[in-house]
Amino acid sequence: MPQFNLTTVFYLVTATLLWAGNAIAGRLLVGSVSPITLSAVRWALAALILLPFGWRIFRPSNPLWENKTRFLLLGLLGVGSYNVLLYLALQTSTPINVTLIGASMPIWMLLIGALIYRVKPTLLQMVGAVISLLGVMVVLTRGELMTLLSMELVVGDLLIMLATILWAFYSWMLSRPGSSTERQWPWADFLMAQVLVGLLWTLFFDGFEIALGSAYLELNLFTASLILFVALGPSLIAYRCWGLGVNGAGPTVAAFFANLIPLFTAILSAAMLREPPRLYHGLAFAFIVLGIWISSTQGGGDKVKVS
């Protein structure tokens, strides 16, 4: 049974804060690094940093090889596809919009849990998820919900929606894998396996960007610092924290913590990108917070023990 304690809260909040920083860094790197190349360089550097701790997965006797299909999927969904789609989305959308659209994760988490893993959501969870999704609609329509039927989404908005659905699948696999879980593996081995497989997928995608002649990388002190940040913080530290948080709180409760990402992103955007939140962002935040509150009230949240 999940144990929802302060340590689990710390893991989930740390992951969301670092991923908010990742959205800001990705936006700052637009024009300096092509999106898929950025993801490839990020994960290659993350793999090098992690190698001294997770080298044991290269042993033929390592249990990884008995779970290779599982790690192929984890690497594709959590490291490969999600991050490529995120950086592609930031080419045409803003960090605040990208992270607010990601706030639709709870509803995807509930749907996937019900359809794939036979975990029936409670009524309050569904109500909370719909209200959170309404907050996403507010930002997609720029605060004018009546224009929903006639609105034209930018490509980045659609890409991050797809990324969010894939991340929901990834999070369910972390806690309901049908075999081993995060806590049953040496942490470095578990993360190294995902990073390496995700890197291979990303390099595969990057081959298309290179073939199309749209790959570029302009290195200087500023861009190198940002790439180092995303390789260490949003990659290794955040993924480790999210894995522990999901296994501690369960994927549904963890999904609602992901709604903190747009809040952190708005704060960081105002401070660093001079993109202050607008009134409709505040309205969206209100819906998202209300959705979290309803879903976490007695009878609405996962059956977790708070300690």
C-alpha atoms as a PDB file:
ATOM      1  CA  MET A   1       0.000   0.000   0.000  1.00  0.00           C
ATOM      2  CA  PRO A   2       1.364   3.479  -0.852  1.00  0.00           C
ATOM      3  CA  GLN A   3       2.867   5.467   2.032  1.00  0.00           C
ATOM      4  CA  PHE A   4       2.063   9.153   1.546  1.00  0.00           C
ATOM      5  CA  ASN A   5       4.471  10.895   3.923  1.00  0.00           C
ATOM      6  CA  LEU A   6       6.553  14.076   3.954  1.00  0.00           C
ATOM      7  CA  THR A   7       9.441  12.329   2.219  1.00  0.00           C
ATOM      8  CA  THR A   8       7.163  11.390  -0.674  1.00  0.00           C
ATOM      9  CA  VAL A   9       5.896  14.980  -0.848  1.00  0.00           C
ATOM     10  CA  PHE A  10       9.500  16.201  -0.989  1.00  0.00           C
ATOM     11  CA  TYR A  11      10.309  13.839  -3.877  1.00  0.00           C
ATOM     12  CA  LEU A  12       7.295  14.933  -5.920  1.00  0.00           C
ATOM     13  CA  VAL A  13       7.719  18.665  -5.281  1.00  0.00           C
ATOM     14  CA  THR A  14      11.440  18.485  -6.118  1.00  0.00           C
ATOM     15  CA  ALA A  15      10.711  16.730  -9.410  1.00  0.00           C
ATOM     16  CA  THR A  16       8.054  19.260 -10.424  1.00  0.00           C
ATOM     17  CA  LEU A  17      10.257  22.235  -9.549  1.00  0.00           C
ATOM     18  CA  LEU A  18      13.139  20.869 -11.614  1.00  0.00           C
ATOM     19  CA  TRP A  19      10.850  20.129 -14.566  1.00  0.00           C
ATOM     20  CA  ALA A  20       9.545  23.682 -14.431  1.00  0.00           C
ATOM     21  CA  GLY A  21      13.177  24.761 -14.734  1.00  0.00           C
ATOM     22  CA  ASN A  22      13.534  22.394 -17.685  1.00  0.00           C
ATOM     23  CA  ALA A  23      10.723  24.180 -19.552  1.00  0.00           C
ATOM     24  CA  ILE A  24      12.425  27.528 -18.938  1.00  0.00           C
ATOM     25  CA  ALA A  25      15.817  26.205 -20.033  1.00  0.00           C
ATOM     26  CA  GLY A  26      14.308  24.669 -23.160  1.00  0.00           C
ATOM     27  CA  ARG A  27      12.743  27.997 -24.084  1.00  0.00           C
ATOM     28  CA  LEU A  28      16.000  29.871 -23.477  1.00  0.00           C
ATOM     29  CA  LEU A  29      17.826  27.439 -25.766  1.00  0.00           C
ATOM     30  CA  VAL A  30      15.449  27.963 -28.703  1.00  0.00           C
ATOM     31  CA  GLY A  31      17.581  29.189 -31.609  1.00  0.00           C
ATOM     32  CA  SER A  32      20.813  27.898 -30.072  1.00  0.00           C
ATOM     33  CA  VAL A  33      20.148  24.146 -30.106  1.00  0.00           C
ATOM     34  CA  SER A  34      17.676  22.260 -32.276  1.00  0.00           C
ATOM     35  CA  PRO A  35      15.061  20.465 -30.122  1.00  0.00           C
ATOM     36  CA  ILE A  36      15.880  16.803 -30.795  1.00  0.00           C
ATOM     37  CA  THR A  37      19.629  17.463 -30.718  1.00  0.00           C
ATOM     38  CA  LEU A  38      19.139  19.152 -27.341  1.00  0.00           C
ATOM     39  CA  SER A  39      17.397  16.045 -26.025  1.00  0.00           C
ATOM     40  CA  ALA A  40      20.151  13.788 -27.413  1.00  0.00           C
ATOM     41  CA  VAL A  41      22.974  15.862 -25.911  1.00  0.00           C
ATOM     42  CA  ARG A  42      21.100  16.117 -22.619  1.00  0.00           C
ATOM     43  CA  TRP A  43      20.703  12.366 -22.202  1.00  0.00           C
ATOM     44  CA  ALA A  44      24.191  11.552 -23.475  1.00  0.00           C
ATOM     45  CA  LEU A  45      25.632  13.831 -20.803  1.00  0.00           C
ATOM     46  CA  ALA A  46      23.260  12.379 -18.175  1.00  0.00           C
ATOM     47  CA  ALA A  47      24.424   8.865 -19.076  1.00  0.00           C
ATOM     48  CA  LEU A  48      28.081   9.872 -18.658  1.00  0.00           C
ATOM     49  CA  ILE A  49      27.359  11.420 -15.244  1.00  0.00           C
ATOM     50  CA  LEU A  50      25.475   8.314 -14.122  1.00  0.00           C
ATOM     51  CA  LEU A  51      27.934   5.769 -15.559  1.00  0.00           C
ATOM     52  CA  PRO A  52      30.202   5.488 -12.454  1.00  0.00           C
ATOM     53  CA  PHE A  53      27.128   4.543 -10.395  1.00  0.00           C
ATOM     54  CA  GLY A  54      25.155   2.384 -12.814  1.00  0.00           C
ATOM     55  CA  TRP A  55      27.823   0.525 -14.781  1.00  0.00           C
ATOM     56  CA  ARG A  56      26.660  -2.827 -13.362  1.00  0.00           C
ATOM     57  CA  ILE A  57      23.819  -3.027 -15.870  1.00  0.00           C
ATOM     58  CA  PHE A  58      26.413  -3.957 -18.524  1.00  0.00           C
ATOM     59  CA  ARG A  59      27.089  -7.277 -16.769  1.00  0.00           C
ATOM     60  CA  PRO A  60      25.475 -10.181 -18.662  1.00  0.00           C
ATOM     61  CA  SER A  61      24.153 -11.518 -15.338  1.00  0.00           C
ATOM     62  CA  ASN A  62      22.346  -8.262 -14.486  1.00  0.00           C
ATOM     63  CA  PRO A  63      18.555  -8.761 -14.009  1.00  0.00           C
ATOM     64  CA  LEU A  64      18.037  -5.942 -16.520  1.00  0.00           C
ATOM     65  CA  TRP A  65      18.322  -8.403 -19.377  1.00  0.00           C
ATOM     66  CA  GLU A  66      15.381 -10.393 -18.008  1.00  0.00           C
ATOM     67  CA  ASN A  67      13.295  -7.206 -18.153  1.00  0.00           C
ATOM     68  CA  LYS A  68      14.551  -5.745 -21.423  1.00  0.00           C
ATOM     69  CA  THR A  69      11.074  -5.284 -22.920  1.00  0.00           C
ATOM     70  CA  ARG A  70       9.980  -3.312 -19.856  1.00  0.00           C
ATOM     71  CA  PHE A  71      12.982  -0.988 -20.053  1.00  0.00           C
ATOM     72  CA  LEU A  72      12.597  -0.527 -23.795  1.00  0.00           C
ATOM     73  CA  LEU A  73       9.110   0.836 -23.111  1.00  0.00           C
ATOM     74  CA  LEU A  74      10.147   2.895 -20.062  1.00  0.00           C
ATOM     75  CA  GLY A  75      13.011   4.431 -22.025  1.00  0.00           C
ATOM     76  CA  LEU A  76      10.780   5.223 -24.996  1.00  0.00           C
ATOM     77  CA  LEU A  77       7.891   6.728 -23.025  1.00  0.00           C
ATOM     78  CA  GLY A  78       9.692   8.493 -20.182  1.00  0.00           C
ATOM     79  CA  VAL A  79      13.051   9.536 -21.650  1.00  0.00           C
ATOM     80  CA  GLY A  80      12.872   9.300 -25.420  1.00  0.00           C
ATOM     81  CA  SER A  81       9.482  10.434 -26.698  1.00  0.00           C
ATOM     82  CA  TYR A  82       8.428  12.747 -23.858  1.00  0.00           C
ATOM     83  CA  ASN A  83      11.505  14.944 -23.913  1.00  0.00           C
ATOM     84  CA  VAL A  84      11.708  15.136 -27.688  1.00  0.00           C
ATOM     85  CA  LEU A  85       8.061  16.224 -27.813  1.00  0.00           C
ATOM     86  CA  LEU A  86       8.604  18.739 -24.990  1.00  0.00           C
ATOM     87  CA  TYR A  87      11.476  20.520 -26.728  1.00  0.00           C
ATOM     88  CA  LEU A  88       9.615  20.458 -30.051  1.00  0.00           C
ATOM     89  CA  ALA A  89       6.586  21.986 -28.321  1.00  0.00           C
ATOM     90  CA  LEU A  90       8.680  24.825 -26.905  1.00  0.00           C
ATOM     91  CA  GLN A  91       9.570  25.918 -30.432  1.00  0.00           C
ATOM     92  CA  THR A  92       6.059  27.316 -30.917  1.00  0.00           C
ATOM     93  CA  SER A  93       4.486  27.431 -27.442  1.00  0.00           C
ATOM     94  CA  THR A  94       5.497  29.188 -24.226  1.00  0.00           C
ATOM     95  CA  PRO A  95       6.766  27.470 -21.050  1.00  0.00           C
ATOM     96  CA  ILE A  96       3.625  28.508 -19.146  1.00  0.00           C
ATOM     97  CA  ASN A  97       1.298  27.113 -21.815  1.00  0.00           C
ATOM     98  CA  VAL A  98       3.318  23.907 -22.138  1.00  0.00           C
ATOM     99  CA  THR A  99       3.231  23.190 -18.416  1.00  0.00           C
ATOM    100  CA  LEU A 100      -0.420  24.178 -18.035  1.00  0.00           C
ATOM    101  CA  ILE A 101      -1.422  21.767 -20.792  1.00  0.00           C
ATOM    102  CA  GLY A 102       0.582  19.169 -18.900  1.00  0.00           C
ATOM    103  CA  ALA A 103      -1.852  19.759 -16.045  1.00  0.00           C
ATOM    104  CA  SER A 104      -4.293  17.524 -17.931  1.00  0.00           C
ATOM    105  CA  MET A 105      -2.196  14.574 -16.710  1.00  0.00           C
ATOM    106  CA  PRO A 106      -4.621  13.532 -13.910  1.00  0.00           C
ATOM    107  CA  ILE A 107      -7.431  12.801 -16.334  1.00  0.00           C
ATOM    108  CA  TRP A 108      -5.140  10.741 -18.569  1.00  0.00           C
ATOM    109  CA  MET A 109      -3.808   8.958 -15.500  1.00  0.00           C
ATOM    110  CA  LEU A 110      -7.326   8.041 -14.405  1.00  0.00           C
ATOM    111  CA  LEU A 111      -8.325   6.853 -17.882  1.00  0.00           C
ATOM    112  CA  ILE A 112      -5.225   4.713 -18.340  1.00  0.00           C
ATOM    113  CA  GLY A 113      -5.564   3.276 -14.845  1.00  0.00           C
ATOM    114  CA  ALA A 114      -9.169   2.292 -15.522  1.00  0.00           C
ATOM    115  CA  LEU A 115      -8.700   0.956 -19.053  1.00  0.00           C
ATOM    116  CA  ILE A 116      -5.307  -0.743 -18.782  1.00  0.00           C
ATOM    117  CA  TYR A 117      -4.735  -1.511 -15.101  1.00  0.00           C
ATOM    118  CA  ARG A 118      -8.357  -2.011 -13.974  1.00  0.00           C
ATOM    119  CA  VAL A 119      -8.049   0.609 -11.218  1.00  0.00           C
ATOM    120  CA  LYS A 120     -11.486   2.175 -10.912  1.00  0.00           C
ATOM    121  CA  PRO A 121     -11.340   5.917 -10.138  1.00  0.00           C
ATOM    122  CA  THR A 122     -13.555   7.409  -7.431  1.00  0.00           C
ATOM    123  CA  LEU A 123     -16.218   9.992  -8.217  1.00  0.00           C
ATOM    124  CA  LEU A 124     -14.270  12.786  -6.515  1.00  0.00           C
ATOM    125  CA  GLN A 125     -11.123  11.879  -8.460  1.00  0.00           C
ATOM    126  CA  MET A 126     -13.048  12.180 -11.718  1.00  0.00           C
ATOM    127  CA  VAL A 127     -14.635  15.484 -10.681  1.00  0.00           C
ATOM    128  CA  GLY A 128     -11.258  16.867  -9.644  1.00  0.00           C
ATOM    129  CA  ALA A 129      -9.642  15.739 -12.882  1.00  0.00           C
ATOM    130  CA  VAL A 130     -12.368  17.378 -14.991  1.00  0.00           C
ATOM    131  CA  ILE A 131     -12.011  20.642 -13.086  1.00  0.00           C
ATOM    132  CA  SER A 132      -8.234  20.535 -13.582  1.00  0.00           C
ATOM    133  CA  LEU A 133      -8.814  19.902 -17.282  1.00  0.00           C
ATOM    134  CA  LEU A 134     -11.110  22.940 -17.365  1.00  0.00           C
ATOM    135  CA  GLY A 135      -8.138  24.944 -16.131  1.00  0.00           C
ATOM    136  CA  VAL A 136      -6.184  23.636 -19.114  1.00  0.00           C
ATOM    137  CA  MET A 137      -9.007  24.725 -21.429  1.00  0.00           C
ATOM    138  CA  VAL A 138      -8.818  28.223 -19.942  1.00  0.00           C
ATOM    139  CA  VAL A 139      -5.190  28.617 -20.954  1.00  0.00           C
ATOM    140  CA  LEU A 140      -5.678  26.983 -24.363  1.00  0.00           C
ATOM    141  CA  THR A 141      -8.416  29.493 -25.167  1.00  0.00           C
ATOM    142  CA  ARG A 142      -6.488  32.368 -23.578  1.00  0.00           C
ATOM    143  CA  GLY A 143      -9.349  32.860 -21.132  1.00  0.00           C
ATOM    144  CA  GLU A 144     -12.141  32.955 -23.723  1.00  0.00           C
ATOM    145  CA  LEU A 145     -13.897  29.612 -23.377  1.00  0.00           C
ATOM    146  CA  MET A 146     -16.581  30.571 -25.924  1.00  0.00           C
ATOM    147  CA  THR A 147     -13.920  30.422 -28.626  1.00  0.00           C
ATOM    148  CA  LEU A 148     -13.145  26.766 -27.856  1.00  0.00           C
ATOM    149  CA  LEU A 149     -15.000  25.405 -30.887  1.00  0.00           C
ATOM    150  CA  SER A 150     -13.329  27.796 -33.325  1.00  0.00           C
ATOM    151  CA  MET A 151      -9.860  27.978 -31.802  1.00  0.00           C
ATOM    152  CA  GLU A 152      -6.728  26.912 -33.648  1.00  0.00           C
ATOM    153  CA  LEU A 153      -4.100  25.266 -31.508  1.00  0.00           C
ATOM    154  CA  VAL A 154      -0.441  25.844 -32.233  1.00  0.00           C
ATOM    155  CA  VAL A 155       1.580  22.746 -33.017  1.00  0.00           C
ATOM    156  CA  GLY A 156       3.400  22.968 -29.694  1.00  0.00           C
ATOM    157  CA  ASP A 157       0.133  22.709 -27.751  1.00  0.00           C
ATOM    158  CA  LEU A 158      -0.758  19.449 -29.495  1.00  0.00           C
ATOM    159  CA  LEU A 159       2.732  18.002 -29.078  1.00  0.00           C
ATOM    160  CA  ILE A 160       2.797  18.570 -25.332  1.00  0.00           C
ATOM    161  CA  MET A 161      -0.667  17.013 -25.017  1.00  0.00           C
ATOM    162  CA  LEU A 162       0.659  13.865 -26.690  1.00  0.00           C
ATOM    163  CA  ALA A 163       3.733  13.967 -24.442  1.00  0.00           C
ATOM    164  CA  THR A 164       1.497  14.172 -21.373  1.00  0.00           C
ATOM    165  CA  ILE A 165      -0.458  11.067 -22.403  1.00  0.00           C
ATOM    166  CA  LEU A 166       2.789   9.139 -22.925  1.00  0.00           C
ATOM    167  CA  TRP A 167       4.048  10.281 -19.518  1.00  0.00           C
ATOM    168  CA  ALA A 168       0.869   8.957 -17.884  1.00  0.00           C
ATOM    169  CA  PHE A 169       1.608   5.527 -19.370  1.00  0.00           C
ATOM    170  CA  TYR A 170       5.200   5.805 -18.108  1.00  0.00           C
ATOM    171  CA  SER A 171       4.093   6.665 -14.557  1.00  0.00           C
ATOM    172  CA  TRP A 172       1.699   3.713 -14.397  1.00  0.00           C
ATOM    173  CA  MET A 173       4.477   1.412 -15.564  1.00  0.00           C
ATOM    174  CA  LEU A 174       6.698   2.639 -12.734  1.00  0.00           C
ATOM    175  CA  SER A 175       4.260   1.543 -10.035  1.00  0.00           C
ATOM    176  CA  ARG A 176       2.308  -1.236 -11.740  1.00  0.00           C
ATOM    177  CA  PRO A 177       4.929  -2.957 -13.859  1.00  0.00           C
ATOM    178  CA  GLY A 178       3.832  -6.540 -13.394  1.00  0.00           C
ATOM    179  CA  SER A 179       7.363  -7.368 -12.231  1.00  0.00           C
ATOM    180  CA  SER A 180       9.856  -5.229 -10.321  1.00  0.00           C
ATOM    181  CA  THR A 181       9.409  -1.690  -9.015  1.00  0.00           C
ATOM    182  CA  GLU A 182      11.668   1.292  -8.440  1.00  0.00           C
ATOM    183  CA  ARG A 183      12.403   0.330  -4.829  1.00  0.00           C
ATOM    184  CA  GLN A 184      13.367  -3.255  -5.704  1.00  0.00           C
ATOM    185  CA  TRP A 185      16.235  -2.215  -7.991  1.00  0.00           C
ATOM    186  CA  PRO A 186      19.550  -0.534  -7.165  1.00  0.00           C
ATOM    187  CA  TRP A 187      18.606   3.071  -7.909  1.00  0.00           C
ATOM    188  CA  ALA A 188      21.529   3.712 -10.282  1.00  0.00           C
ATOM    189  CA  ASP A 189      20.872   0.515 -12.275  1.00  0.00           C
ATOM    190  CA  PHE A 190      17.175   1.308 -12.605  1.00  0.00           C
ATOM    191  CA  LEU A 191      17.831   4.867 -13.788  1.00  0.00           C
ATOM    192  CA  MET A 192      20.802   3.953 -15.979  1.00  0.00           C
ATOM    193  CA  ALA A 193      18.749   1.385 -17.876  1.00  0.00           C
ATOM    194  CA  GLN A 194      16.075   3.981 -18.639  1.00  0.00           C
ATOM    195  CA  VAL A 195      18.584   6.667 -19.601  1.00  0.00           C
ATOM    196  CA  LEU A 196      20.539   4.423 -21.967  1.00  0.00           C
ATOM    197  CA  VAL A 197      17.462   3.062 -23.710  1.00  0.00           C
ATOM    198  CA  GLY A 198      15.953   6.542 -23.867  1.00  0.00           C
ATOM    199  CA  LEU A 199      19.192   7.869 -25.339  1.00  0.00           C
ATOM    200  CA  LEU A 200      19.112   5.228 -28.070  1.00  0.00           C
ATOM    201  CA  TRP A 201      15.536   6.194 -28.946  1.00  0.00           C
ATOM    202  CA  THR A 202      16.479   9.884 -28.945  1.00  0.00           C
ATOM    203  CA  LEU A 203      19.471   9.292 -31.211  1.00  0.00           C
ATOM    204  CA  PHE A 204      17.140   7.438 -33.563  1.00  0.00           C
ATOM    205  CA  PHE A 205      14.803  10.455 -33.664  1.00  0.00           C
ATOM    206  CA  ASP A 206      17.764  12.827 -33.987  1.00  0.00           C
ATOM    207  CA  GLY A 207      18.838  10.982 -37.124  1.00  0.00           C
ATOM    208  CA  PHE A 208      15.747  12.338 -38.877  1.00  0.00           C
ATOM    209  CA  GLU A 209      16.507  15.888 -37.718  1.00  0.00           C
ATOM    210  CA  ILE A 210      20.070  15.560 -39.037  1.00  0.00           C
ATOM    211  CA  ALA A 211      18.888  14.022 -42.323  1.00  0.00           C
ATOM    212  CA  LEU A 212      16.503  16.946 -42.840  1.00  0.00           C
ATOM    213  CA  GLY A 213      19.361  19.403 -42.280  1.00  0.00           C
ATOM    214  CA  SER A 214      17.597  21.067 -39.336  1.00  0.00           C
ATOM    215  CA  ALA A 215      20.015  19.993 -36.586  1.00  0.00           C
ATOM    216  CA  TYR A 216      22.243  22.661 -35.068  1.00  0.00           C
ATOM    217  CA  LEU A 217      24.171  23.322 -31.863  1.00  0.00           C
ATOM    218  CA  GLU A 218      25.786  26.608 -30.851  1.00  0.00           C
ATOM    219  CA  LEU A 219      27.930  26.068 -27.764  1.00  0.00           C
ATOM    220  CA  ASN A 220      29.001  28.902 -25.493  1.00  0.00           C
ATOM    221  CA  LEU A 221      29.212  29.333 -21.727  1.00  0.00           C
ATOM    222  CA  PHE A 222      25.522  30.193 -21.425  1.00  0.00           C
ATOM    223  CA  THR A 223      24.156  27.308 -23.527  1.00  0.00           C
ATOM    224  CA  ALA A 224      26.632  24.830 -22.030  1.00  0.00           C
ATOM    225  CA  SER A 225      25.500  25.797 -18.515  1.00  0.00           C
ATOM    226  CA  LEU A 226      21.841  25.300 -19.409  1.00  0.00           C
ATOM    227  CA  ILE A 227      22.530  21.916 -21.015  1.00  0.00           C
ATOM    228  CA  LEU A 228      24.483  20.812 -17.937  1.00  0.00           C
ATOM    229  CA  PHE A 229      21.563  21.892 -15.764  1.00  0.00           C
ATOM    230  CA  VAL A 230      18.969  19.887 -17.746  1.00  0.00           C
ATOM    231  CA  ALA A 231      21.274  16.852 -17.804  1.00  0.00           C
ATOM    232  CA  LEU A 232      21.734  16.846 -14.036  1.00  0.00           C
ATOM    233  CA  GLY A 233      18.606  18.377 -12.485  1.00  0.00           C
ATOM    234  CA  PRO A 234      15.540  17.690 -14.684  1.00  0.00           C
ATOM    235  CA  SER A 235      17.093  14.436 -15.911  1.00  0.00           C
ATOM    236  CA  LEU A 236      18.842  12.457 -13.179  1.00  0.00           C
ATOM    237  CA  ILE A 237      17.590  14.096  -9.981  1.00  0.00           C
ATOM    238  CA  ALA A 238      14.006  14.703 -11.118  1.00  0.00           C
ATOM    239  CA  TYR A 239      13.549  11.243 -12.633  1.00  0.00           C
ATOM    240  CA  ARG A 240      14.885   9.604  -9.496  1.00  0.00           C
ATOM    241  CA  CYS A 241      12.577  11.702  -7.301  1.00  0.00           C
ATOM    242  CA  TRP A 242       9.547  11.067  -9.518  1.00  0.00           C
ATOM    243  CA  GLY A 243      10.123   7.324  -9.474  1.00  0.00           C
ATOM    244  CA  LEU A 244      10.299   7.280  -5.682  1.00  0.00           C
ATOM    245  CA  GLY A 245       7.337   9.639  -5.390  1.00  0.00           C
ATOM    246  CA  VAL A 246       5.125   7.579  -7.695  1.00  0.00           C
ATOM    247  CA  ASN A 247       5.950   4.388  -5.814  1.00  0.00           C
ATOM    248  CA  GLY A 248       5.295   6.173  -2.526  1.00  0.00           C
ATOM    249  CA  ALA A 249       2.020   7.941  -3.345  1.00  0.00           C
ATOM    250  CA  GLY A 250       0.692   5.989  -6.307  1.00  0.00           C
ATOM    251  CA  PRO A 251       0.419   7.284  -9.877  1.00  0.00           C
ATOM    252  CA  THR A 252      -2.953   9.024  -9.460  1.00  0.00           C
ATOM    253  CA  VAL A 253      -1.966  11.145  -6.457  1.00  0.00           C
ATOM    254  CA  ALA A 254       1.429  11.878  -8.030  1.00  0.00           C
ATOM    255  CA  ALA A 255      -0.313  13.129 -11.178  1.00  0.00           C
ATOM    256  CA  PHE A 256      -2.012  15.894  -9.237  1.00  0.00           C
ATOM    257  CA  PHE A 257       1.379  17.041  -7.924  1.00  0.00           C
ATOM    258  CA  ALA A 258       2.368  17.575 -11.557  1.00  0.00           C
ATOM    259  CA  ASN A 259      -0.075  20.488 -11.514  1.00  0.00           C
ATOM    260  CA  LEU A 260       2.544  22.352  -9.472  1.00  0.00           C
ATOM    261  CA  ILE A 261       4.731  22.550 -12.585  1.00  0.00           C
ATOM    262  CA  PRO A 262       2.763  25.411 -14.220  1.00  0.00           C
ATOM    263  CA  LEU A 263       2.820  27.343 -10.939  1.00  0.00           C
ATOM    264  CA  PHE A 264       6.591  27.020 -10.646  1.00  0.00           C
ATOM    265  CA  THR A 265       6.984  27.758 -14.356  1.00  0.00           C
ATOM    266  CA  ALA A 266       4.954  30.963 -14.125  1.00  0.00           C
ATOM    267  CA  ILE A 267       7.097  32.164 -11.230  1.00  0.00           C
ATOM    268  CA  LEU A 268      10.333  31.339 -13.043  1.00  0.00           C
ATOM    269  CA  SER A 269       9.072  32.859 -16.306  1.00  0.00           C
ATOM    270  CA  ALA A 270       8.239  36.120 -14.582  1.00  0.00           C
ATOM    271  CA  ALA A 271      11.697  36.198 -13.041  1.00  0.00           C
ATOM    272  CA  MET A 272      13.818  35.039 -15.995  1.00  0.00           C
ATOM    273  CA  LEU A 273      11.925  35.335 -19.285  1.00  0.00           C
ATOM    274  CA  ARG A 274       9.951  38.489 -18.569  1.00  0.00           C
ATOM    275  CA  GLU A 275       6.760  36.625 -19.404  1.00  0.00           C
ATOM    276  CA  PRO A 276       4.556  37.535 -16.439  1.00  0.00           C
ATOM    277  CA  PRO A 277       1.404  35.454 -15.901  1.00  0.00           C
ATOM    278  CA  ARG A 278      -1.790  36.949 -17.328  1.00  0.00           C
ATOM    279  CA  LEU A 279      -5.228  37.034 -15.737  1.00  0.00           C
ATOM    280  CA  TYR A 280      -6.361  33.868 -17.505  1.00  0.00           C
ATOM    281  CA  HIS A 281      -3.336  32.038 -16.109  1.00  0.00           C
ATOM    282  CA  GLY A 282      -4.549  32.938 -12.621  1.00  0.00           C
ATOM    283  CA  LEU A 283      -8.004  31.613 -13.461  1.00  0.00           C
ATOM    284  CA  ALA A 284      -6.430  28.407 -14.778  1.00  0.00           C
ATOM    285  CA  PHE A 285      -4.419  28.012 -11.575  1.00  0.00           C
ATOM    286  CA  ALA A 286      -7.622  28.416  -9.549  1.00  0.00           C
ATOM    287  CA  PHE A 287      -9.322  25.575 -11.425  1.00  0.00           C
ATOM    288  CA  ILE A 288      -6.237  23.359 -11.102  1.00  0.00           C
ATOM    289  CA  VAL A 289      -5.910  23.939  -7.351  1.00  0.00           C
ATOM    290  CA  LEU A 290      -9.643  23.319  -6.898  1.00  0.00           C
ATOM    291  CA  GLY A 291      -9.293  20.051  -8.804  1.00  0.00           C
ATOM    292  CA  ILE A 292      -6.419  18.965  -6.561  1.00  0.00           C
ATOM    293  CA  TRP A 293      -8.366  19.851  -3.430  1.00  0.00           C
ATOM    294  CA  ILE A 294     -11.487  17.941  -4.477  1.00  0.00           C
ATOM    295  CA  SER A 295      -9.511  14.886  -5.561  1.00  0.00           C
ATOM    296  CA  SER A 296      -7.524  14.737  -2.326  1.00  0.00           C
ATOM    297  CA  THR A 297     -10.468  15.115   0.068  1.00  0.00           C
ATOM    298  CA  GLN A 298     -11.646  12.111   2.064  1.00  0.00           C
ATOM    299  CA  GLY A 299     -12.953   9.523  -0.349  1.00  0.00           C
ATOM    300  CA  GLY A 300     -11.416  11.210  -3.363  1.00  0.00           C
ATOM    301  CA  GLY A 301      -7.756  10.387  -3.155  1.00  0.00           C
ATOM    302  CA  ASP A 302      -5.876   7.129  -3.326  1.00  0.00           C
ATOM    303  CA  LYS A 303      -6.015   5.043  -0.207  1.00  0.00           C
ATOM    304  CA  VAL A 304      -2.684   6.123   1.168  1.00  0.00           C
ATOM    305  CA  LYS A 305      -1.356   6.411   4.663  1.00  0.00           C
ATOM    306  CA  VAL A 306      -0.248   9.885   5.725  1.00  0.00           C
ATOM    307  CA  SER A 307       2.584   9.852   8.247  1.00  0.00           C
END
